[in-house]
């Protein structure tokens, strides 16, 4: 699975959470409180299931969740581990 496919999967999951938000344009989803703590817990669960990865406490930092690209890069790295 390449980075673009991962990115599309991340976008689909985010759209399920909030279909009214343009996640492509967002660069600070956590810092700007676009995603709340419940969204993040749901997102971690959904991403884990979709991509068969384990997102651990060390990965659970704002920088990894602030944008679609940051999420895709984290997932790609976790899939390679």
PDB file of N, CA and C in Angstrom:
ATOM      1  N   UNK A   1       0.853  -1.177   0.000  1.00  0.00           N
ATOM      2  CA  UNK A   1       0.000   0.000   0.000  1.00  0.00           C
ATOM      3  C   UNK A   1       0.899   1.241   0.000  1.00  0.00           C
ATOM      4  N   UNK A   2       0.654   2.149  -0.948  1.00  0.00           N
ATOM      5  CA  UNK A   2       1.501   3.342  -1.008  1.00  0.00           C
ATOM      6  C   UNK A   2       0.880   4.488  -0.207  1.00  0.00           C
ATOM      7  N   UNK A   3       1.634   5.562  -0.090  1.00  0.00           N
ATOM      8  CA  UNK A   3       1.233   6.688   0.744  1.00  0.00           C
ATOM      9  C   UNK A   3      -0.088   7.301   0.288  1.00  0.00           C
ATOM     10  N   UNK A   4      -0.324   7.360  -1.012  1.00  0.00           N
ATOM     11  CA  UNK A   4      -1.572   7.939  -1.525  1.00  0.00           C
ATOM     12  C   UNK A   4      -2.776   7.077  -1.138  1.00  0.00           C
ATOM     13  N   UNK A   5      -2.626   5.763  -1.197  1.00  0.00           N
ATOM     14  CA  UNK A   5      -3.716   4.865  -0.787  1.00  0.00           C
ATOM     15  C   UNK A   5      -3.992   5.013   0.710  1.00  0.00           C
ATOM     16  N   UNK A   6      -2.940   5.147   1.483  1.00  0.00           N
ATOM     17  CA  UNK A   6      -3.097   5.350   2.924  1.00  0.00           C
ATOM     18  C   UNK A   6      -3.831   6.667   3.165  1.00  0.00           C
ATOM     19  N   UNK A   7      -3.410   7.702   2.461  1.00  0.00           N
ATOM     20  CA  UNK A   7      -4.018   9.020   2.600  1.00  0.00           C
ATOM     21  C   UNK A   7      -5.515   8.979   2.284  1.00  0.00           C
ATOM     22  N   UNK A   8      -5.890   8.271   1.243  1.00  0.00           N
ATOM     23  CA  UNK A   8      -7.301   8.142   0.870  1.00  0.00           C
ATOM     24  C   UNK A   8      -8.090   7.414   1.951  1.00  0.00           C
ATOM     25  N   UNK A   9      -7.489   6.380   2.539  1.00  0.00           N
ATOM     26  CA  UNK A   9      -8.141   5.657   3.619  1.00  0.00           C
ATOM     27  C   UNK A   9      -8.338   6.525   4.856  1.00  0.00           C
ATOM     28  N   UNK A  10      -7.310   7.325   5.166  1.00  0.00           N
ATOM     29  CA  UNK A  10      -7.398   8.252   6.307  1.00  0.00           C
ATOM     30  C   UNK A  10      -8.516   9.259   6.063  1.00  0.00           C
ATOM     31  N   UNK A  11      -8.564   9.825   4.878  1.00  0.00           N
ATOM     32  CA  UNK A  11      -9.611  10.798   4.546  1.00  0.00           C
ATOM     33  C   UNK A  11     -11.001  10.191   4.677  1.00  0.00           C
ATOM     34  N   UNK A  12     -11.172   8.972   4.221  1.00  0.00           N
ATOM     35  CA  UNK A  12     -12.481   8.309   4.310  1.00  0.00           C
ATOM     36  C   UNK A  12     -12.910   8.155   5.770  1.00  0.00           C
ATOM     37  N   UNK A  13     -11.977   7.764   6.621  1.00  0.00           N
ATOM     38  CA  UNK A  13     -12.298   7.596   8.046  1.00  0.00           C
ATOM     39  C   UNK A  13     -12.635   8.949   8.671  1.00  0.00           C
ATOM     40  N   UNK A  14     -11.855   9.974   8.365  1.00  0.00           N
ATOM     41  CA  UNK A  14     -12.129  11.305   8.904  1.00  0.00           C
ATOM     42  C   UNK A  14     -13.484  11.828   8.438  1.00  0.00           C
ATOM     43  N   UNK A  15     -13.830  11.583   7.176  1.00  0.00           N
ATOM     44  CA  UNK A  15     -15.121  12.034   6.650  1.00  0.00           C
ATOM     45  C   UNK A  15     -16.280  11.351   7.372  1.00  0.00           C
ATOM     46  N   UNK A  16     -16.079  10.100   7.788  1.00  0.00           N
ATOM     47  CA  UNK A  16     -17.116   9.411   8.562  1.00  0.00           C
ATOM     48  C   UNK A  16     -17.315  10.087   9.910  1.00  0.00           C
ATOM     49  N   UNK A  17     -16.228  10.602  10.491  1.00  0.00           N
ATOM     50  CA  UNK A  17     -16.318  11.281  11.786  1.00  0.00           C
ATOM     51  C   UNK A  17     -17.036  12.625  11.651  1.00  0.00           C
ATOM     52  N   UNK A  18     -16.645  13.409  10.647  1.00  0.00           N
ATOM     53  CA  UNK A  18     -17.191  14.761  10.451  1.00  0.00           C
ATOM     54  C   UNK A  18     -17.265  15.054   8.961  1.00  0.00           C
ATOM     55  N   UNK A  19     -18.403  14.802   8.368  1.00  0.00           N
ATOM     56  CA  UNK A  19     -18.520  15.002   6.926  1.00  0.00           C
ATOM     57  C   UNK A  19     -18.556  16.476   6.537  1.00  0.00           C
ATOM     58  N   UNK A  20     -18.723  17.368   7.507  1.00  0.00           N
ATOM     59  CA  UNK A  20     -18.825  18.799   7.221  1.00  0.00           C
ATOM     60  C   UNK A  20     -17.476  19.523   7.228  1.00  0.00           C
ATOM     61  N   UNK A  21     -16.391  18.813   7.492  1.00  0.00           N
ATOM     62  CA  UNK A  21     -15.069  19.439   7.581  1.00  0.00           C
ATOM     63  C   UNK A  21     -14.232  19.071   6.358  1.00  0.00           C
ATOM     64  N   UNK A  22     -13.538  20.074   5.806  1.00  0.00           N
ATOM     65  CA  UNK A  22     -12.619  19.850   4.686  1.00  0.00           C
ATOM     66  C   UNK A  22     -11.251  19.458   5.257  1.00  0.00           C
ATOM     67  N   UNK A  23     -11.071  18.179   5.501  1.00  0.00           N
ATOM     68  CA  UNK A  23      -9.842  17.708   6.133  1.00  0.00           C
ATOM     69  C   UNK A  23      -8.603  17.905   5.252  1.00  0.00           C
ATOM     70  N   UNK A  24      -8.794  17.989   3.949  1.00  0.00           N
ATOM     71  CA  UNK A  24      -7.670  18.222   3.035  1.00  0.00           C
ATOM     72  C   UNK A  24      -6.999  19.563   3.329  1.00  0.00           C
ATOM     73  N   UNK A  25      -7.784  20.540   3.761  1.00  0.00           N
ATOM     74  CA  UNK A  25      -7.272  21.888   3.989  1.00  0.00           C
ATOM     75  C   UNK A  25      -6.737  22.095   5.406  1.00  0.00           C
ATOM     76  N   UNK A  26      -7.051  21.192   6.302  1.00  0.00           N
ATOM     77  CA  UNK A  26      -6.673  21.379   7.702  1.00  0.00           C
ATOM     78  C   UNK A  26      -5.233  20.958   7.962  1.00  0.00           C
ATOM     79  N   UNK A  27      -4.503  21.810   8.661  1.00  0.00           N
ATOM     80  CA  UNK A  27      -3.109  21.529   9.013  1.00  0.00           C
ATOM     81  C   UNK A  27      -2.910  21.424  10.528  1.00  0.00           C
ATOM     82  N   UNK A  28      -3.941  21.760  11.292  1.00  0.00           N
ATOM     83  CA  UNK A  28      -3.832  21.751  12.752  1.00  0.00           C
ATOM     84  C   UNK A  28      -5.107  21.192  13.370  1.00  0.00           C
ATOM     85  N   UNK A  29      -5.460  19.979  12.983  1.00  0.00           N
ATOM     86  CA  UNK A  29      -6.719  19.386  13.433  1.00  0.00           C
ATOM     87  C   UNK A  29      -6.788  19.228  14.955  1.00  0.00           C
ATOM     88  N   UNK A  30      -5.658  18.957  15.581  1.00  0.00           N
ATOM     89  CA  UNK A  30      -5.626  18.810  17.034  1.00  0.00           C
ATOM     90  C   UNK A  30      -5.418  20.176  17.686  1.00  0.00           C
ATOM     91  N   UNK A  31      -4.411  20.897  17.228  1.00  0.00           N
ATOM     92  CA  UNK A  31      -4.085  22.200  17.819  1.00  0.00           C
ATOM     93  C   UNK A  31      -5.261  23.175  17.760  1.00  0.00           C
ATOM     94  N   UNK A  32      -6.038  23.137  16.674  1.00  0.00           N
ATOM     95  CA  UNK A  32      -7.194  24.026  16.524  1.00  0.00           C
ATOM     96  C   UNK A  32      -8.480  23.406  17.068  1.00  0.00           C
ATOM     97  N   UNK A  33      -8.350  22.258  17.707  1.00  0.00           N
ATOM     98  CA  UNK A  33      -9.474  21.558  18.348  1.00  0.00           C
ATOM     99  C   UNK A  33     -10.606  21.189  17.374  1.00  0.00           C
ATOM    100  N   UNK A  34     -10.216  20.887  16.135  1.00  0.00           N
ATOM    101  CA  UNK A  34     -11.181  20.394  15.156  1.00  0.00           C
ATOM    102  C   UNK A  34     -11.567  18.961  15.519  1.00  0.00           C
ATOM    103  N   UNK A  35     -10.574  18.202  16.013  1.00  0.00           N
ATOM    104  CA  UNK A  35     -10.827  16.859  16.532  1.00  0.00           C
ATOM    105  C   UNK A  35     -10.749  16.916  18.055  1.00  0.00           C
ATOM    106  N   UNK A  36     -11.785  16.411  18.726  1.00  0.00           N
ATOM    107  CA  UNK A  36     -11.752  16.369  20.186  1.00  0.00           C
ATOM    108  C   UNK A  36     -11.237  15.016  20.660  1.00  0.00           C
ATOM    109  N   UNK A  37     -11.169  14.835  21.954  1.00  0.00           N
ATOM    110  CA  UNK A  37     -10.573  13.606  22.501  1.00  0.00           C
ATOM    111  C   UNK A  37     -11.364  12.369  22.081  1.00  0.00           C
ATOM    112  N   UNK A  38     -12.685  12.460  22.022  1.00  0.00           N
ATOM    113  CA  UNK A  38     -13.483  11.317  21.583  1.00  0.00           C
ATOM    114  C   UNK A  38     -13.176  10.986  20.122  1.00  0.00           C
ATOM    115  N   UNK A  39     -13.061  12.024  19.280  1.00  0.00           N
ATOM    116  CA  UNK A  39     -12.706  11.812  17.869  1.00  0.00           C
ATOM    117  C   UNK A  39     -11.370  11.095  17.756  1.00  0.00           C
ATOM    118  N   UNK A  40     -10.404  11.507  18.571  1.00  0.00           N
ATOM    119  CA  UNK A  40      -9.066  10.920  18.494  1.00  0.00           C
ATOM    120  C   UNK A  40      -9.072   9.452  18.905  1.00  0.00           C
ATOM    121  N   UNK A  41      -9.811   9.125  19.950  1.00  0.00           N
ATOM    122  CA  UNK A  41      -9.905   7.721  20.380  1.00  0.00           C
ATOM    123  C   UNK A  41     -10.552   6.893  19.273  1.00  0.00           C
ATOM    124  N   UNK A  42     -11.630   7.405  18.704  1.00  0.00           N
ATOM    125  CA  UNK A  42     -12.308   6.710  17.602  1.00  0.00           C
ATOM    126  C   UNK A  42     -11.370   6.566  16.413  1.00  0.00           C
ATOM    127  N   UNK A  43     -10.649   7.631  16.097  1.00  0.00           N
ATOM    128  CA  UNK A  43      -9.729   7.623  14.960  1.00  0.00           C
ATOM    129  C   UNK A  43      -8.624   6.594  15.145  1.00  0.00           C
ATOM    130  N   UNK A  44      -8.046   6.527  16.329  1.00  0.00           N
ATOM    131  CA  UNK A  44      -6.985   5.550  16.605  1.00  0.00           C
ATOM    132  C   UNK A  44      -7.514   4.130  16.414  1.00  0.00           C
ATOM    133  N   UNK A  45      -8.719   3.870  16.908  1.00  0.00           N
ATOM    134  CA  UNK A  45      -9.321   2.540  16.765  1.00  0.00           C
ATOM    135  C   UNK A  45      -9.573   2.205  15.298  1.00  0.00           C
ATOM    136  N   UNK A  46     -10.176   3.147  14.584  1.00  0.00           N
ATOM    137  CA  UNK A  46     -10.493   2.928  13.168  1.00  0.00           C
ATOM    138  C   UNK A  46      -9.230   2.744  12.319  1.00  0.00           C
ATOM    139  N   UNK A  47      -8.220   3.575  12.570  1.00  0.00           N
ATOM    140  CA  UNK A  47      -6.975   3.455  11.813  1.00  0.00           C
ATOM    141  C   UNK A  47      -6.283   2.131  12.109  1.00  0.00           C
ATOM    142  N   UNK A  48      -6.295   1.731  13.368  1.00  0.00           N
ATOM    143  CA  UNK A  48      -5.701   0.446  13.740  1.00  0.00           C
ATOM    144  C   UNK A  48      -6.356  -0.710  13.009  1.00  0.00           C
ATOM    145  N   UNK A  49      -7.694  -0.679  12.962  1.00  0.00           N
ATOM    146  CA  UNK A  49      -8.441  -1.747  12.279  1.00  0.00           C
ATOM    147  C   UNK A  49      -8.209  -1.722  10.769  1.00  0.00           C
ATOM    148  N   UNK A  50      -8.276  -0.527  10.192  1.00  0.00           N
ATOM    149  CA  UNK A  50      -8.167  -0.379   8.737  1.00  0.00           C
ATOM    150  C   UNK A  50      -6.785  -0.762   8.213  1.00  0.00           C
ATOM    151  N   UNK A  51      -5.748  -0.354   8.936  1.00  0.00           N
ATOM    152  CA  UNK A  51      -4.386  -0.534   8.430  1.00  0.00           C
ATOM    153  C   UNK A  51      -3.595  -1.601   9.182  1.00  0.00           C
ATOM    154  N   UNK A  52      -4.270  -2.272  10.126  1.00  0.00           N
ATOM    155  CA  UNK A  52      -3.640  -3.348  10.907  1.00  0.00           C
ATOM    156  C   UNK A  52      -2.348  -2.875  11.558  1.00  0.00           C
ATOM    157  N   UNK A  53      -2.467  -1.750  12.284  1.00  0.00           N
ATOM    158  CA  UNK A  53      -1.332  -1.174  13.001  1.00  0.00           C
ATOM    159  C   UNK A  53      -1.720  -0.963  14.458  1.00  0.00           C
ATOM    160  N   UNK A  54      -0.722  -0.783  15.306  1.00  0.00           N
ATOM    161  CA  UNK A  54      -0.942  -0.418  16.700  1.00  0.00           C
ATOM    162  C   UNK A  54      -0.368   0.970  16.920  1.00  0.00           C
ATOM    163  N   UNK A  55      -1.241   1.909  17.244  1.00  0.00           N
ATOM    164  CA  UNK A  55      -0.806   3.264  17.559  1.00  0.00           C
ATOM    165  C   UNK A  55      -0.613   3.314  19.072  1.00  0.00           C
ATOM    166  N   UNK A  56       0.634   3.469  19.486  1.00  0.00           N
ATOM    167  CA  UNK A  56       0.962   3.430  20.908  1.00  0.00           C
ATOM    168  C   UNK A  56       1.049   4.850  21.480  1.00  0.00           C
ATOM    169  N   UNK A  57       1.263   4.932  22.779  1.00  0.00           N
ATOM    170  CA  UNK A  57       1.327   6.230  23.453  1.00  0.00           C
ATOM    171  C   UNK A  57       2.408   7.129  22.853  1.00  0.00           C
ATOM    172  N   UNK A  58       3.536   6.529  22.431  1.00  0.00           N
ATOM    173  CA  UNK A  58       4.610   7.370  21.873  1.00  0.00           C
ATOM    174  C   UNK A  58       4.211   7.992  20.536  1.00  0.00           C
ATOM    175  N   UNK A  59       3.267   7.374  19.834  1.00  0.00           N
ATOM    176  CA  UNK A  59       2.785   7.915  18.558  1.00  0.00           C
ATOM    177  C   UNK A  59       1.632   8.901  18.752  1.00  0.00           C
ATOM    178  N   UNK A  60       1.050   8.881  19.939  1.00  0.00           N
ATOM    179  CA  UNK A  60      -0.157   9.661  20.211  1.00  0.00           C
ATOM    180  C   UNK A  60       0.221  11.091  20.607  1.00  0.00           C
ATOM    181  N   UNK A  61       0.754  11.828  19.639  1.00  0.00           N
ATOM    182  CA  UNK A  61       1.149  13.224  19.842  1.00  0.00           C
ATOM    183  C   UNK A  61       0.486  14.069  18.758  1.00  0.00           C
ATOM    184  N   UNK A  62       0.267  15.328  19.077  1.00  0.00           N
ATOM    185  CA  UNK A  62      -0.464  16.218  18.166  1.00  0.00           C
ATOM    186  C   UNK A  62       0.154  16.266  16.772  1.00  0.00           C
ATOM    187  N   UNK A  63       1.489  16.275  16.703  1.00  0.00           N
ATOM    188  CA  UNK A  63       2.143  16.385  15.391  1.00  0.00           C
ATOM    189  C   UNK A  63       1.709  15.271  14.441  1.00  0.00           C
ATOM    190  N   UNK A  64       1.427  14.090  14.968  1.00  0.00           N
ATOM    191  CA  UNK A  64       1.020  12.962  14.124  1.00  0.00           C
ATOM    192  C   UNK A  64      -0.443  13.036  13.703  1.00  0.00           C
ATOM    193  N   UNK A  65      -1.230  13.882  14.357  1.00  0.00           N
ATOM    194  CA  UNK A  65      -2.673  13.919  14.114  1.00  0.00           C
ATOM    195  C   UNK A  65      -3.166  15.263  13.596  1.00  0.00           C
ATOM    196  N   UNK A  66      -2.265  16.199  13.323  1.00  0.00           N
ATOM    197  CA  UNK A  66      -2.679  17.540  12.920  1.00  0.00           C
ATOM    198  C   UNK A  66      -3.131  17.642  11.471  1.00  0.00           C
ATOM    199  N   UNK A  67      -2.704  16.716  10.613  1.00  0.00           N
ATOM    200  CA  UNK A  67      -3.106  16.794   9.207  1.00  0.00           C
ATOM    201  C   UNK A  67      -3.235  15.391   8.622  1.00  0.00           C
ATOM    202  N   UNK A  68      -3.902  15.327   7.494  1.00  0.00           N
ATOM    203  CA  UNK A  68      -4.050  14.047   6.791  1.00  0.00           C
ATOM    204  C   UNK A  68      -2.674  13.508   6.401  1.00  0.00           C
ATOM    205  N   UNK A  69      -1.801  14.392   5.931  1.00  0.00           N
ATOM    206  CA  UNK A  69      -0.464  13.956   5.526  1.00  0.00           C
ATOM    207  C   UNK A  69       0.331  13.402   6.713  1.00  0.00           C
ATOM    208  N   UNK A  70       0.237  14.078   7.860  1.00  0.00           N
ATOM    209  CA  UNK A  70       0.952  13.606   9.051  1.00  0.00           C
ATOM    210  C   UNK A  70       0.425  12.240   9.478  1.00  0.00           C
ATOM    211  N   UNK A  71      -0.881  12.062   9.425  1.00  0.00           N
ATOM    212  CA  UNK A  71      -1.464  10.761   9.764  1.00  0.00           C
ATOM    213  C   UNK A  71      -0.991   9.683   8.796  1.00  0.00           C
ATOM    214  N   UNK A  72      -1.018   9.980   7.509  1.00  0.00           N
ATOM    215  CA  UNK A  72      -0.604   9.000   6.498  1.00  0.00           C
ATOM    216  C   UNK A  72       0.859   8.609   6.677  1.00  0.00           C
ATOM    217  N   UNK A  73       1.704   9.595   6.964  1.00  0.00           N
ATOM    218  CA  UNK A  73       3.127   9.304   7.173  1.00  0.00           C
ATOM    219  C   UNK A  73       3.348   8.446   8.409  1.00  0.00           C
ATOM    220  N   UNK A  74       2.606   8.725   9.490  1.00  0.00           N
ATOM    221  CA  UNK A  74       2.718   7.907  10.701  1.00  0.00           C
ATOM    222  C   UNK A  74       2.280   6.470  10.409  1.00  0.00           C
ATOM    223  N   UNK A  75       1.179   6.327   9.704  1.00  0.00           N
ATOM    224  CA  UNK A  75       0.666   4.982   9.381  1.00  0.00           C
ATOM    225  C   UNK A  75       1.667   4.232   8.515  1.00  0.00           C
ATOM    226  N   UNK A  76       2.210   4.895   7.508  1.00  0.00           N
ATOM    227  CA  UNK A  76       3.201   4.247   6.641  1.00  0.00           C
ATOM    228  C   UNK A  76       4.393   3.760   7.466  1.00  0.00           C
ATOM    229  N   UNK A  77       4.861   4.591   8.386  1.00  0.00           N
ATOM    230  CA  UNK A  77       5.989   4.222   9.251  1.00  0.00           C
ATOM    231  C   UNK A  77       5.606   3.020  10.134  1.00  0.00           C
ATOM    232  N   UNK A  78       4.421   3.040  10.709  1.00  0.00           N
ATOM    233  CA  UNK A  78       3.990   1.940  11.571  1.00  0.00           C
ATOM    234  C   UNK A  78       3.799   0.643  10.790  1.00  0.00           C
ATOM    235  N   UNK A  79       3.369   0.742   9.550  1.00  0.00           N
ATOM    236  CA  UNK A  79       3.192  -0.450   8.720  1.00  0.00           C
ATOM    237  C   UNK A  79       4.545  -1.080   8.364  1.00  0.00           C
ATOM    238  N   UNK A  80       5.589  -0.242   8.310  1.00  0.00           N
ATOM    239  CA  UNK A  80       6.917  -0.732   7.967  1.00  0.00           C
ATOM    240  C   UNK A  80       7.644  -1.348   9.152  1.00  0.00           C
ATOM    241  N   UNK A  81       7.147  -1.070  10.357  1.00  0.00           N
ATOM    242  CA  UNK A  81       7.833  -1.591  11.567  1.00  0.00           C
ATOM    243  C   UNK A  81       7.569  -3.071  11.755  1.00  0.00           C
TER     244      UNK A  81
END
